[in-house]
PDB file of N, CA and C in Angstrom:
ATOM      1  N   MET A   1     110.167  95.914  26.216  1.00  0.00           N
ATOM      2  CA  MET A   1     109.811  96.766  26.104  1.00  0.00           C
ATOM      3  C   MET A   1     108.356  97.570  26.002  1.00  0.00           C
ATOM      4  N   SER A   2     107.743  98.519  26.820  1.00  0.00           N
ATOM      5  CA  SER A   2     106.871  98.357  26.098  1.00  0.00           C
ATOM      6  C   SER A   2     106.207  99.587  25.019  1.00  0.00           C
ATOM      7  N   THR A   3     105.010  99.518  24.682  1.00  0.00           N
ATOM      8  CA  THR A   3     104.607 100.715  23.177  1.00  0.00           C
ATOM      9  C   THR A   3     103.741 101.436  23.584  1.00  0.00           C
ATOM     10  N   LEU A   4     103.574 102.373  23.559  1.00  0.00           N
ATOM     11  CA  LEU A   4     103.043 103.397  23.873  1.00  0.00           C
ATOM     12  C   LEU A   4     101.561 103.792  22.719  1.00  0.00           C
ATOM     13  N   VAL A   5     100.464 103.602  23.117  1.00  0.00           N
ATOM     14  CA  VAL A   5      99.735 103.296  22.395  1.00  0.00           C
ATOM     15  C   VAL A   5      98.981 104.649  22.045  1.00  0.00           C
ATOM     16  N   MET A   6      98.470 105.580  21.193  1.00  0.00           N
ATOM     17  CA  MET A   6      97.691 106.964  21.585  1.00  0.00           C
ATOM     18  C   MET A   6      96.442 106.549  20.428  1.00  0.00           C
ATOM     19  N   VAL A   7      95.907 107.083  21.104  1.00  0.00           N
ATOM     20  CA  VAL A   7      94.152 106.692  20.506  1.00  0.00           C
ATOM     21  C   VAL A   7      93.484 108.261  20.068  1.00  0.00           C
ATOM     22  N   SER A   8      93.456 108.709  18.976  1.00  0.00           N
ATOM     23  CA  SER A   8      92.459 109.822  18.722  1.00  0.00           C
ATOM     24  C   SER A   8      91.761 110.048  17.691  1.00  0.00           C
ATOM     25  N   ASN A   9      91.227 111.022  17.651  1.00  0.00           N
ATOM     26  CA  ASN A   9      89.454 111.002  16.617  1.00  0.00           C
ATOM     27  C   ASN A   9      90.787 110.945  15.178  1.00  0.00           C
ATOM     28  N   ARG A  10      91.887 111.547  15.241  1.00  0.00           N
ATOM     29  CA  ARG A  10      92.521 112.170  13.575  1.00  0.00           C
ATOM     30  C   ARG A  10      93.975 111.654  13.816  1.00  0.00           C
ATOM     31  N   LEU A  11      94.655 111.368  12.996  1.00  0.00           N
ATOM     32  CA  LEU A  11      95.833 110.892  13.387  1.00  0.00           C
ATOM     33  C   LEU A  11      97.181 112.090  13.207  1.00  0.00           C
ATOM     34  N   PRO A  12      98.326 111.886  13.684  1.00  0.00           N
ATOM     35  CA  PRO A  12      99.004 113.164  13.697  1.00  0.00           C
ATOM     36  C   PRO A  12      99.148 113.819  11.860  1.00  0.00           C
ATOM     37  N   VAL A  13      98.708 113.255  11.454  1.00  0.00           N
ATOM     38  CA  VAL A  13      98.802 113.349   9.911  1.00  0.00           C
ATOM     39  C   VAL A  13      97.724 113.323   8.871  1.00  0.00           C
ATOM     40  N   THR A  14      97.356 114.160   7.857  1.00  0.00           N
ATOM     41  CA  THR A  14      96.197 113.876   7.712  1.00  0.00           C
ATOM     42  C   THR A  14      96.722 113.730   5.637  1.00  0.00           C
ATOM     43  N   ILE A  15      96.251 112.692   4.874  1.00  0.00           N
ATOM     44  CA  ILE A  15      96.305 111.782   3.631  1.00  0.00           C
ATOM     45  C   ILE A  15      95.504 112.979   2.809  1.00  0.00           C
ATOM     46  N   VAL A  16      96.351 113.645   1.834  1.00  0.00           N
ATOM     47  CA  VAL A  16      95.869 114.303   0.953  1.00  0.00           C
ATOM     48  C   VAL A  16      95.776 113.228  -0.636  1.00  0.00           C
ATOM     49  N   GLN A  17      94.911 113.492  -1.273  1.00  0.00           N
ATOM     50  CA  GLN A  17      94.490 112.679  -3.115  1.00  0.00           C
ATOM     51  C   GLN A  17      94.733 113.253  -3.694  1.00  0.00           C
ATOM     52  N   ASP A  18      95.712 113.806  -4.717  1.00  0.00           N
ATOM     53  CA  ASP A  18      95.335 114.579  -6.447  1.00  0.00           C
ATOM     54  C   ASP A  18      95.400 113.356  -7.072  1.00  0.00           C
ATOM     55  N   LYS A  19      94.492 113.209  -7.794  1.00  0.00           N
ATOM     56  CA  LYS A  19      94.255 112.272  -8.364  1.00  0.00           C
ATOM     57  C   LYS A  19      94.443 110.988  -8.403  1.00  0.00           C
ATOM     58  N   GLN A  20      96.288 110.909  -9.398  1.00  0.00           N
ATOM     59  CA  GLN A  20      96.079 109.541  -8.611  1.00  0.00           C
ATOM     60  C   GLN A  20      97.330 108.997  -7.465  1.00  0.00           C
ATOM     61  N   THR A  21      97.706 110.648  -7.111  1.00  0.00           N
ATOM     62  CA  THR A  21      98.544 110.400  -5.642  1.00  0.00           C
ATOM     63  C   THR A  21      98.607 110.928  -4.411  1.00  0.00           C
ATOM     64  N   VAL A  22      98.846 109.868  -3.581  1.00  0.00           N
ATOM     65  CA  VAL A  22      98.493 110.434  -1.955  1.00  0.00           C
ATOM     66  C   VAL A  22      99.858 110.654  -1.529  1.00  0.00           C
ATOM     67  N   SER A  23      99.480 111.732  -0.918  1.00  0.00           N
ATOM     68  CA  SER A  23     100.865 112.101   0.198  1.00  0.00           C
ATOM     69  C   SER A  23     100.297 112.439   1.557  1.00  0.00           C
ATOM     70  N   VAL A  24     101.367 112.483   2.361  1.00  0.00           N
ATOM     71  CA  VAL A  24     101.064 112.900   3.758  1.00  0.00           C
ATOM     72  C   VAL A  24     101.670 114.074   4.247  1.00  0.00           C
ATOM     73  N   GLN A  25     100.126 114.994   4.906  1.00  0.00           N
ATOM     74  CA  GLN A  25     100.546 116.449   5.430  1.00  0.00           C
ATOM     75  C   GLN A  25     100.390 116.315   7.086  1.00  0.00           C
ATOM     76  N   PRO A  26     101.261 116.670   7.780  1.00  0.00           N
ATOM     77  CA  PRO A  26     100.997 116.538   9.413  1.00  0.00           C
ATOM     78  C   PRO A  26     100.072 117.494   9.262  1.00  0.00           C
ATOM     79  N   SER A  27      99.458 116.761  10.787  1.00  0.00           N
ATOM     80  CA  SER A  27      97.706 117.196  10.850  1.00  0.00           C
ATOM     81  C   SER A  27      98.500 118.602  12.113  1.00  0.00           C
ATOM     82  N   VAL A  28      97.077 119.988  11.970  1.00  0.00           N
ATOM     83  CA  VAL A  28      97.402 120.775  12.373  1.00  0.00           C
ATOM     84  C   VAL A  28      96.696 120.790  13.569  1.00  0.00           C
ATOM     85  N   GLY A  29      95.644 119.987  14.321  1.00  0.00           N
ATOM     86  CA  GLY A  29      94.846 119.737  14.906  1.00  0.00           C
ATOM     87  C   GLY A  29      96.010 119.764  16.313  1.00  0.00           C
ATOM     88  N   GLY A  30      94.947 120.537  17.137  1.00  0.00           N
ATOM     89  CA  GLY A  30      95.524 120.602  18.938  1.00  0.00           C
ATOM     90  C   GLY A  30      96.653 119.378  19.390  1.00  0.00           C
ATOM     91  N   VAL A  31      95.507 117.984  19.331  1.00  0.00           N
ATOM     92  CA  VAL A  31      96.623 116.792  19.646  1.00  0.00           C
ATOM     93  C   VAL A  31      97.983 116.350  19.239  1.00  0.00           C
ATOM     94  N   ALA A  32      97.584 116.360  17.785  1.00  0.00           N
ATOM     95  CA  ALA A  32      98.812 115.886  17.309  1.00  0.00           C
ATOM     96  C   ALA A  32     100.231 117.315  17.304  1.00  0.00           C
ATOM     97  N   THR A  33      99.504 118.800  17.306  1.00  0.00           N
ATOM     98  CA  THR A  33     100.268 119.263  17.544  1.00  0.00           C
ATOM     99  C   THR A  33     101.296 119.475  18.838  1.00  0.00           C
ATOM    100  N   GLY A  34     100.719 119.159  19.770  1.00  0.00           N
ATOM    101  CA  GLY A  34     101.118 118.758  21.352  1.00  0.00           C
ATOM    102  C   GLY A  34     101.661 117.657  21.625  1.00  0.00           C
ATOM    103  N   ILE A  35     101.044 116.741  20.666  1.00  0.00           N
ATOM    104  CA  ILE A  35     101.892 115.202  21.240  1.00  0.00           C
ATOM    105  C   ILE A  35     103.710 115.367  20.753  1.00  0.00           C
ATOM    106  N   ALA A  36     103.649 115.851  19.336  1.00  0.00           N
ATOM    107  CA  ALA A  36     104.747 116.196  18.511  1.00  0.00           C
ATOM    108  C   ALA A  36     105.787 117.204  19.139  1.00  0.00           C
ATOM    109  N   SER A  37     105.489 118.106  19.948  1.00  0.00           N
ATOM    110  CA  SER A  37     106.667 118.843  20.715  1.00  0.00           C
ATOM    111  C   SER A  37     107.380 117.720  22.090  1.00  0.00           C
ATOM    112  N   LEU A  38     106.703 116.918  22.188  1.00  0.00           N
ATOM    113  CA  LEU A  38     107.307 115.475  23.281  1.00  0.00           C
ATOM    114  C   LEU A  38     107.433 114.499  22.321  1.00  0.00           C
ATOM    115  N   SER A  39     109.422 114.099  23.365  1.00  0.00           N
ATOM    116  CA  SER A  39     109.376 113.527  22.886  1.00  0.00           C
ATOM    117  C   SER A  39     108.952 112.050  22.687  1.00  0.00           C
ATOM    118  N   ARG A  40     109.414 111.312  21.496  1.00  0.00           N
ATOM    119  CA  ARG A  40     108.894 109.937  20.869  1.00  0.00           C
ATOM    120  C   ARG A  40     109.732 108.863  21.679  1.00  0.00           C
ATOM    121  N   PRO A  41     107.977 107.953  21.904  1.00  0.00           N
ATOM    122  CA  PRO A  41     109.376 106.516  22.368  1.00  0.00           C
ATOM    123  C   PRO A  41     109.508 105.799  21.188  1.00  0.00           C
ATOM    124  N   GLU A  42     110.507 104.829  21.314  1.00  0.00           N
ATOM    125  CA  GLU A  42     111.012 104.158  20.601  1.00  0.00           C
ATOM    126  C   GLU A  42     109.867 102.894  19.958  1.00  0.00           C
ATOM    127  N   LYS A  43     108.752 102.932  20.587  1.00  0.00           N
ATOM    128  CA  LYS A  43     108.041 101.917  20.091  1.00  0.00           C
ATOM    129  C   LYS A  43     106.353 102.573  20.603  1.00  0.00           C
ATOM    130  N   MET A  44     105.662 103.185  19.613  1.00  0.00           N
ATOM    131  CA  MET A  44     104.656 103.917  19.466  1.00  0.00           C
ATOM    132  C   MET A  44     103.732 103.812  18.009  1.00  0.00           C
ATOM    133  N   LEU A  45     102.401 103.562  18.727  1.00  0.00           N
ATOM    134  CA  LEU A  45     101.347 103.630  17.329  1.00  0.00           C
ATOM    135  C   LEU A  45     100.679 104.356  17.544  1.00  0.00           C
ATOM    136  N   TRP A  46      99.754 104.847  16.629  1.00  0.00           N
ATOM    137  CA  TRP A  46      98.921 106.134  16.344  1.00  0.00           C
ATOM    138  C   TRP A  46      97.723 105.758  16.130  1.00  0.00           C
ATOM    139  N   PHE A  47      96.452 105.476  16.475  1.00  0.00           N
ATOM    140  CA  PHE A  47      95.524 104.583  15.634  1.00  0.00           C
ATOM    141  C   PHE A  47      94.745 106.103  15.540  1.00  0.00           C
ATOM    142  N   GLY A  48      93.772 106.155  14.143  1.00  0.00           N
ATOM    143  CA  GLY A  48      93.218 107.620  14.396  1.00  0.00           C
ATOM    144  C   GLY A  48      92.482 107.532  13.102  1.00  0.00           C
ATOM    145  N   TRP A  49      91.551 108.501  12.359  1.00  0.00           N
ATOM    146  CA  TRP A  49      91.096 108.749  10.908  1.00  0.00           C
ATOM    147  C   TRP A  49      91.677 109.415  10.302  1.00  0.00           C
ATOM    148  N   PRO A  50      92.248 108.978   9.163  1.00  0.00           N
ATOM    149  CA  PRO A  50      93.674 109.419   7.962  1.00  0.00           C
ATOM    150  C   PRO A  50      92.287 110.679   8.133  1.00  0.00           C
ATOM    151  N   GLY A  51      91.584 111.056   7.660  1.00  0.00           N
ATOM    152  CA  GLY A  51      91.124 112.810   7.315  1.00  0.00           C
ATOM    153  C   GLY A  51      90.345 112.734   5.855  1.00  0.00           C
ATOM    154  N   MET A  52      90.085 111.327   5.723  1.00  0.00           N
ATOM    155  CA  MET A  52      89.356 110.766   4.096  1.00  0.00           C
ATOM    156  C   MET A  52      87.988 110.100   4.514  1.00  0.00           C
ATOM    157  N   ALA A  53      87.206 110.314   3.732  1.00  0.00           N
ATOM    158  CA  ALA A  53      85.854 109.166   3.844  1.00  0.00           C
ATOM    159  C   ALA A  53      86.607 107.892   2.827  1.00  0.00           C
ATOM    160  N   ASN A  54      85.895 106.335   3.594  1.00  0.00           N
ATOM    161  CA  ASN A  54      86.034 105.405   2.640  1.00  0.00           C
ATOM    162  C   ASN A  54      85.731 105.284   1.115  1.00  0.00           C
ATOM    163  N   GLU A  55      84.331 106.245   1.382  1.00  0.00           N
ATOM    164  CA  GLU A  55      83.630 105.988  -0.115  1.00  0.00           C
ATOM    165  C   GLU A  55      84.646 106.558  -1.045  1.00  0.00           C
ATOM    166  N   LYS A  56      85.840 107.469  -0.740  1.00  0.00           N
ATOM    167  CA  LYS A  56      86.449 107.853  -1.473  1.00  0.00           C
ATOM    168  C   LYS A  56      87.839 107.556  -1.361  1.00  0.00           C
ATOM    169  N   ILE A  57      87.903 106.652  -1.454  1.00  0.00           N
ATOM    170  CA  ILE A  57      89.724 105.237  -1.766  1.00  0.00           C
ATOM    171  C   ILE A  57      89.042 104.593  -2.189  1.00  0.00           C
ATOM    172  N   THR A  58      89.582 104.239  -3.547  1.00  0.00           N
ATOM    173  CA  THR A  58      89.656 103.437  -3.977  1.00  0.00           C
ATOM    174  C   THR A  58      90.585 102.222  -3.279  1.00  0.00           C
ATOM    175  N   PRO A  59      90.563 100.681  -3.602  1.00  0.00           N
ATOM    176  CA  PRO A  59      91.444 100.048  -3.314  1.00  0.00           C
ATOM    177  C   PRO A  59      92.948  99.966  -3.703  1.00  0.00           C
ATOM    178  N   PRO A  60      92.969 100.675  -4.108  1.00  0.00           N
ATOM    179  CA  PRO A  60      95.183 100.286  -4.665  1.00  0.00           C
ATOM    180  C   PRO A  60      95.380 101.527  -3.698  1.00  0.00           C
ATOM    181  N   VAL A  61      94.739 102.973  -3.434  1.00  0.00           N
ATOM    182  CA  VAL A  61      94.611 104.129  -2.775  1.00  0.00           C
ATOM    183  C   VAL A  61      95.112 103.819  -1.725  1.00  0.00           C
ATOM    184  N   LYS A  62      94.373 103.033  -1.407  1.00  0.00           N
ATOM    185  CA  LYS A  62      94.182 102.407  -0.221  1.00  0.00           C
ATOM    186  C   LYS A  62      95.115 101.764   0.332  1.00  0.00           C
ATOM    187  N   GLN A  63      95.627 100.624  -0.254  1.00  0.00           N
ATOM    188  CA  GLN A  63      96.760 100.128  -0.008  1.00  0.00           C
ATOM    189  C   GLN A  63      98.045 100.840   0.193  1.00  0.00           C
ATOM    190  N   SER A  64      98.426 102.125  -0.741  1.00  0.00           N
ATOM    191  CA  SER A  64      99.595 103.301  -0.842  1.00  0.00           C
ATOM    192  C   SER A  64      99.013 103.744   0.810  1.00  0.00           C
ATOM    193  N   ILE A  65      98.119 104.598   1.029  1.00  0.00           N
ATOM    194  CA  ILE A  65      97.858 104.470   2.844  1.00  0.00           C
ATOM    195  C   ILE A  65      98.307 103.746   3.415  1.00  0.00           C
ATOM    196  N   LEU A  66      97.739 102.122   3.446  1.00  0.00           N
ATOM    197  CA  LEU A  66      98.439 101.784   4.904  1.00  0.00           C
ATOM    198  C   LEU A  66      99.891 101.579   4.327  1.00  0.00           C
ATOM    199  N   SER A  67     100.741 101.556   3.861  1.00  0.00           N
ATOM    200  CA  SER A  67     102.317 101.150   3.191  1.00  0.00           C
ATOM    201  C   SER A  67     102.612 103.096   3.674  1.00  0.00           C
ATOM    202  N   GLU A  68     102.155 103.693   3.312  1.00  0.00           N
ATOM    203  CA  GLU A  68     103.082 104.968   3.917  1.00  0.00           C
ATOM    204  C   GLU A  68     102.711 105.438   5.758  1.00  0.00           C
ATOM    205  N   LEU A  69     101.454 105.150   6.207  1.00  0.00           N
ATOM    206  CA  LEU A  69     101.018 105.125   7.642  1.00  0.00           C
ATOM    207  C   LEU A  69     101.948 104.181   8.405  1.00  0.00           C
ATOM    208  N   LYS A  70     102.442 102.982   7.624  1.00  0.00           N
ATOM    209  CA  LYS A  70     102.707 102.326   8.398  1.00  0.00           C
ATOM    210  C   LYS A  70     104.555 102.435   9.208  1.00  0.00           C
ATOM    211  N   THR A  71     104.775 102.998   7.617  1.00  0.00           N
ATOM    212  CA  THR A  71     106.674 103.798   8.315  1.00  0.00           C
ATOM    213  C   THR A  71     105.829 104.459   9.031  1.00  0.00           C
ATOM    214  N   LEU A  72     105.079 105.320   9.694  1.00  0.00           N
ATOM    215  CA  LEU A  72     104.611 106.264  10.246  1.00  0.00           C
ATOM    216  C   LEU A  72     104.301 105.694  11.572  1.00  0.00           C
ATOM    217  N   ASN A  73     103.867 104.257  11.881  1.00  0.00           N
ATOM    218  CA  ASN A  73     103.829 104.057  13.187  1.00  0.00           C
ATOM    219  C   ASN A  73     102.256 104.393  13.383  1.00  0.00           C
ATOM    220  N   CYS A  74     101.192 104.601  12.305  1.00  0.00           N
ATOM    221  CA  CYS A  74     100.109 105.229  11.923  1.00  0.00           C
ATOM    222  C   CYS A  74      99.322 104.103  12.175  1.00  0.00           C
ATOM    223  N   CYS A  75      97.837 103.891  12.638  1.00  0.00           N
ATOM    224  CA  CYS A  75      97.106 102.774  11.970  1.00  0.00           C
ATOM    225  C   CYS A  75      95.915 103.678  11.811  1.00  0.00           C
ATOM    226  N   PRO A  76      95.940 103.589  10.868  1.00  0.00           N
ATOM    227  CA  PRO A  76      94.314 104.156  10.548  1.00  0.00           C
ATOM    228  C   PRO A  76      92.891 103.550  11.048  1.00  0.00           C
ATOM    229  N   VAL A  77      92.168 104.201  10.565  1.00  0.00           N
ATOM    230  CA  VAL A  77      90.980 103.821  11.098  1.00  0.00           C
ATOM    231  C   VAL A  77      89.389 104.197  10.008  1.00  0.00           C
ATOM    232  N   PHE A  78      89.175 103.729   8.670  1.00  0.00           N
ATOM    233  CA  PHE A  78      88.929 104.493   8.015  1.00  0.00           C
ATOM    234  C   PHE A  78      87.424 104.218   8.238  1.00  0.00           C
ATOM    235  N   LEU A  79      86.774 105.456   8.199  1.00  0.00           N
ATOM    236  CA  LEU A  79      84.843 105.994   8.507  1.00  0.00           C
ATOM    237  C   LEU A  79      84.497 106.587   7.074  1.00  0.00           C
ATOM    238  N   ASN A  80      83.291 105.836   7.264  1.00  0.00           N
ATOM    239  CA  ASN A  80      82.179 106.071   6.005  1.00  0.00           C
ATOM    240  C   ASN A  80      81.487 107.501   5.945  1.00  0.00           C
ATOM    241  N   GLU A  81      81.077 108.391   5.337  1.00  0.00           N
ATOM    242  CA  GLU A  81      80.686 109.427   5.525  1.00  0.00           C
ATOM    243  C   GLU A  81      79.760 110.011   6.543  1.00  0.00           C
ATOM    244  N   PRO A  82      78.265 109.362   6.307  1.00  0.00           N
ATOM    245  CA  PRO A  82      77.647 109.604   7.408  1.00  0.00           C
ATOM    246  C   PRO A  82      78.098 109.296   8.487  1.00  0.00           C
ATOM    247  N   ASP A  83      79.292 108.302   8.936  1.00  0.00           N
ATOM    248  CA  ASP A  83      79.908 108.642  10.187  1.00  0.00           C
ATOM    249  C   ASP A  83      80.809 109.387  10.687  1.00  0.00           C
ATOM    250  N   ILE A  84      81.356 110.481   9.906  1.00  0.00           N
ATOM    251  CA  ILE A  84      82.119 111.308  10.075  1.00  0.00           C
ATOM    252  C   ILE A  84      81.344 112.476  10.033  1.00  0.00           C
ATOM    253  N   ARG A  85      80.236 112.908   9.733  1.00  0.00           N
ATOM    254  CA  ARG A  85      79.136 113.900   9.616  1.00  0.00           C
ATOM    255  C   ARG A  85      78.678 113.146  11.067  1.00  0.00           C
ATOM    256  N   ASP A  86      78.008 112.222  11.642  1.00  0.00           N
ATOM    257  CA  ASP A  86      77.142 111.963  12.510  1.00  0.00           C
ATOM    258  C   ASP A  86      78.031 111.685  13.782  1.00  0.00           C
ATOM    259  N   PHE A  87      78.659 111.135  13.654  1.00  0.00           N
ATOM    260  CA  PHE A  87      79.908 110.860  14.780  1.00  0.00           C
ATOM    261  C   PHE A  87      80.985 111.967  15.040  1.00  0.00           C
ATOM    262  N   TYR A  88      81.418 112.428  14.193  1.00  0.00           N
ATOM    263  CA  TYR A  88      82.379 113.668  14.603  1.00  0.00           C
ATOM    264  C   TYR A  88      81.960 114.797  15.028  1.00  0.00           C
ATOM    265  N   TYR A  89      80.997 115.753  13.124  1.00  0.00           N
ATOM    266  CA  TYR A  89      80.481 116.962  13.362  1.00  0.00           C
ATOM    267  C   TYR A  89      78.958 117.036  14.161  1.00  0.00           C
ATOM    268  N   GLY A  90      78.643 115.500  14.774  1.00  0.00           N
ATOM    269  CA  GLY A  90      77.070 115.608  14.833  1.00  0.00           C
ATOM    270  C   GLY A  90      77.727 115.152  16.978  1.00  0.00           C
ATOM    271  N   PHE A  91      77.661 114.429  17.096  1.00  0.00           N
ATOM    272  CA  PHE A  91      77.736 113.560  18.443  1.00  0.00           C
ATOM    273  C   PHE A  91      78.927 114.659  19.474  1.00  0.00           C
ATOM    274  N   SER A  92      80.158 114.399  18.593  1.00  0.00           N
ATOM    275  CA  SER A  92      81.555 114.766  19.474  1.00  0.00           C
ATOM    276  C   SER A  92      81.239 116.578  19.513  1.00  0.00           C
ATOM    277  N   ASN A  93      80.762 117.296  18.443  1.00  0.00           N
ATOM    278  CA  ASN A  93      80.806 118.390  18.749  1.00  0.00           C
ATOM    279  C   ASN A  93      79.277 119.138  18.972  1.00  0.00           C
ATOM    280  N   ARG A  94      78.091 119.084  18.108  1.00  0.00           N
ATOM    281  CA  ARG A  94      77.147 119.249  19.265  1.00  0.00           C
ATOM    282  C   ARG A  94      76.288 118.352  20.571  1.00  0.00           C
ATOM    283  N   THR A  95      76.829 117.381  20.652  1.00  0.00           N
ATOM    284  CA  THR A  95      76.744 116.780  21.717  1.00  0.00           C
ATOM    285  C   THR A  95      77.361 117.019  23.019  1.00  0.00           C
ATOM    286  N   LEU A  96      78.941 115.753  22.970  1.00  0.00           N
ATOM    287  CA  LEU A  96      80.074 116.380  23.834  1.00  0.00           C
ATOM    288  C   LEU A  96      80.182 117.916  24.329  1.00  0.00           C
ATOM    289  N   TRP A  97      81.162 118.254  23.348  1.00  0.00           N
ATOM    290  CA  TRP A  97      81.343 119.671  22.954  1.00  0.00           C
ATOM    291  C   TRP A  97      80.557 120.588  23.752  1.00  0.00           C
ATOM    292  N   PRO A  98      79.514 120.848  23.804  1.00  0.00           N
ATOM    293  CA  PRO A  98      78.975 121.706  24.592  1.00  0.00           C
ATOM    294  C   PRO A  98      78.482 121.749  25.842  1.00  0.00           C
ATOM    295  N   LEU A  99      78.506 120.055  26.603  1.00  0.00           N
ATOM    296  CA  LEU A  99      78.456 119.533  27.570  1.00  0.00           C
ATOM    297  C   LEU A  99      79.699 119.826  28.261  1.00  0.00           C
ATOM    298  N   PHE A 100      80.734 119.436  27.810  1.00  0.00           N
ATOM    299  CA  PHE A 100      81.973 119.221  28.992  1.00  0.00           C
ATOM    300  C   PHE A 100      82.300 120.878  28.334  1.00  0.00           C
ATOM    301  N   HIS A 101      81.770 121.970  27.975  1.00  0.00           N
ATOM    302  CA  HIS A 101      82.825 123.685  27.772  1.00  0.00           C
ATOM    303  C   HIS A 101      80.892 124.091  28.597  1.00  0.00           C
ATOM    304  N   TYR A 102      80.475 123.809  29.453  1.00  0.00           N
ATOM    305  CA  TYR A 102      79.165 124.089  30.182  1.00  0.00           C
ATOM    306  C   TYR A 102      78.772 124.779  29.279  1.00  0.00           C
ATOM    307  N   PHE A 103      77.968 124.520  27.968  1.00  0.00           N
ATOM    308  CA  PHE A 103      77.200 125.444  27.463  1.00  0.00           C
ATOM    309  C   PHE A 103      75.791 124.144  27.167  1.00  0.00           C
ATOM    310  N   PRO A 104      75.352 124.073  28.012  1.00  0.00           N
ATOM    311  CA  PRO A 104      74.026 123.132  27.783  1.00  0.00           C
ATOM    312  C   PRO A 104      73.523 123.587  27.320  1.00  0.00           C
ATOM    313  N   GLN A 105      72.958 124.414  26.980  1.00  0.00           N
ATOM    314  CA  GLN A 105      71.349 124.861  26.485  1.00  0.00           C
ATOM    315  C   GLN A 105      71.798 124.756  24.768  1.00  0.00           C
ATOM    316  N   PHE A 106      73.064 124.437  24.548  1.00  0.00           N
ATOM    317  CA  PHE A 106      73.491 124.141  23.177  1.00  0.00           C
ATOM    318  C   PHE A 106      73.872 123.328  22.745  1.00  0.00           C
ATOM    319  N   VAL A 107      73.140 122.066  23.230  1.00  0.00           N
ATOM    320  CA  VAL A 107      73.321 120.668  23.373  1.00  0.00           C
ATOM    321  C   VAL A 107      72.760 119.991  22.433  1.00  0.00           C
ATOM    322  N   VAL A 108      73.059 119.121  21.210  1.00  0.00           N
ATOM    323  CA  VAL A 108      72.050 118.731  20.483  1.00  0.00           C
ATOM    324  C   VAL A 108      72.171 117.411  20.335  1.00  0.00           C
ATOM    325  N   PHE A 109      71.103 116.368  20.982  1.00  0.00           N
ATOM    326  CA  PHE A 109      70.540 115.149  21.465  1.00  0.00           C
ATOM    327  C   PHE A 109      69.794 114.490  19.490  1.00  0.00           C
ATOM    328  N   ARG A 110      70.257 113.864  18.943  1.00  0.00           N
ATOM    329  CA  ARG A 110      69.744 112.874  17.994  1.00  0.00           C
ATOM    330  C   ARG A 110      70.847 111.574  18.298  1.00  0.00           C
ATOM    331  N   GLN A 111      69.218 110.913  18.352  1.00  0.00           N
ATOM    332  CA  GLN A 111      69.796 109.166  18.004  1.00  0.00           C
ATOM    333  C   GLN A 111      70.961 109.057  16.592  1.00  0.00           C
ATOM    334  N   SER A 112      70.613 109.190  15.703  1.00  0.00           N
ATOM    335  CA  SER A 112      70.769 109.180  14.328  1.00  0.00           C
ATOM    336  C   SER A 112      73.009 109.661  15.141  1.00  0.00           C
ATOM    337  N   PHE A 113      73.302 110.327  15.343  1.00  0.00           N
ATOM    338  CA  PHE A 113      74.655 110.691  16.166  1.00  0.00           C
ATOM    339  C   PHE A 113      75.144 109.433  17.214  1.00  0.00           C
ATOM    340  N   TRP A 114      74.026 109.143  18.022  1.00  0.00           N
ATOM    341  CA  TRP A 114      74.748 108.531  19.241  1.00  0.00           C
ATOM    342  C   TRP A 114      74.800 107.489  18.931  1.00  0.00           C
ATOM    343  N   ASP A 115      74.093 106.420  17.401  1.00  0.00           N
ATOM    344  CA  ASP A 115      74.052 105.380  17.379  1.00  0.00           C
ATOM    345  C   ASP A 115      75.287 105.072  16.074  1.00  0.00           C
ATOM    346  N   ALA A 116      76.074 106.813  15.574  1.00  0.00           N
ATOM    347  CA  ALA A 116      77.245 106.545  15.226  1.00  0.00           C
ATOM    348  C   ALA A 116      77.850 106.994  15.796  1.00  0.00           C
ATOM    349  N   TYR A 117      78.240 106.692  16.605  1.00  0.00           N
ATOM    350  CA  TYR A 117      79.121 107.415  18.207  1.00  0.00           C
ATOM    351  C   TYR A 117      79.991 106.045  18.003  1.00  0.00           C
ATOM    352  N   VAL A 118      78.630 105.121  18.513  1.00  0.00           N
ATOM    353  CA  VAL A 118      78.909 103.528  19.242  1.00  0.00           C
ATOM    354  C   VAL A 118      79.321 103.273  18.300  1.00  0.00           C
ATOM    355  N   ARG A 119      79.192 103.477  16.432  1.00  0.00           N
ATOM    356  CA  ARG A 119      79.549 102.501  15.251  1.00  0.00           C
ATOM    357  C   ARG A 119      81.403 102.419  15.537  1.00  0.00           C
ATOM    358  N   VAL A 120      81.614 104.202  15.523  1.00  0.00           N
ATOM    359  CA  VAL A 120      83.000 104.439  15.350  1.00  0.00           C
ATOM    360  C   VAL A 120      83.628 103.865  16.765  1.00  0.00           C
ATOM    361  N   ASN A 121      83.230 104.221  17.597  1.00  0.00           N
ATOM    362  CA  ASN A 121      84.463 103.676  19.104  1.00  0.00           C
ATOM    363  C   ASN A 121      84.090 102.681  18.756  1.00  0.00           C
ATOM    364  N   GLU A 122      83.300 101.577  17.965  1.00  0.00           N
ATOM    365  CA  GLU A 122      83.634  99.985  17.508  1.00  0.00           C
ATOM    366  C   GLU A 122      84.636  99.701  16.616  1.00  0.00           C
ATOM    367  N   ALA A 123      84.529 100.429  15.788  1.00  0.00           N
ATOM    368  CA  ALA A 123      85.620 100.620  14.741  1.00  0.00           C
ATOM    369  C   ALA A 123      86.762 100.357  15.365  1.00  0.00           C
ATOM    370  N   PHE A 124      87.102 101.759  16.213  1.00  0.00           N
ATOM    371  CA  PHE A 124      87.967 101.621  16.846  1.00  0.00           C
ATOM    372  C   PHE A 124      88.770 100.526  17.226  1.00  0.00           C
ATOM    373  N   CYS A 125      87.501 100.103  18.024  1.00  0.00           N
ATOM    374  CA  CYS A 125      87.893  99.261  18.527  1.00  0.00           C
ATOM    375  C   CYS A 125      88.451  98.229  18.052  1.00  0.00           C
ATOM    376  N   ARG A 126      88.037  97.660  16.952  1.00  0.00           N
ATOM    377  CA  ARG A 126      88.504  96.392  16.357  1.00  0.00           C
ATOM    378  C   ARG A 126      89.739  96.706  15.514  1.00  0.00           C
ATOM    379  N   ALA A 127      90.072  97.968  15.710  1.00  0.00           N
ATOM    380  CA  ALA A 127      91.407  98.244  14.918  1.00  0.00           C
ATOM    381  C   ALA A 127      92.663  98.399  16.041  1.00  0.00           C
ATOM    382  N   ILE A 128      92.447  98.543  17.268  1.00  0.00           N
ATOM    383  CA  ILE A 128      93.136  98.387  18.226  1.00  0.00           C
ATOM    384  C   ILE A 128      93.513  96.770  18.383  1.00  0.00           C
ATOM    385  N   LEU A 129      91.914  96.355  18.766  1.00  0.00           N
ATOM    386  CA  LEU A 129      92.298  94.635  18.855  1.00  0.00           C
ATOM    387  C   LEU A 129      93.449  94.125  17.755  1.00  0.00           C
TER     388      LEU A 129
END
């Protein structure tokens, strides 16, 4: 039996932490919402960012997150705050989005955006491998 492997910036769920408890809530993003409407194959793995910066997660909380996500066939790729800022809010939203939506006049090129994009893609690659 084959496995469907989904890879997206965000997981179909978001981790929310209140004091000492961790909960999982469905993501409201377009990819997660669209895929949720499809019938799921028996074997599926979804790789993505769980929605929290790595610096804000203690080791016990990280273990709790990993355990909870494993039951949902989700594999988190933990990112730090600078990479979230420069990869997602920088390169993805300020460089790629305008280019792919015919707004080249709004494109912002920064070396730090590109460097973060490479680092995050390498982190996703390591998680998938």
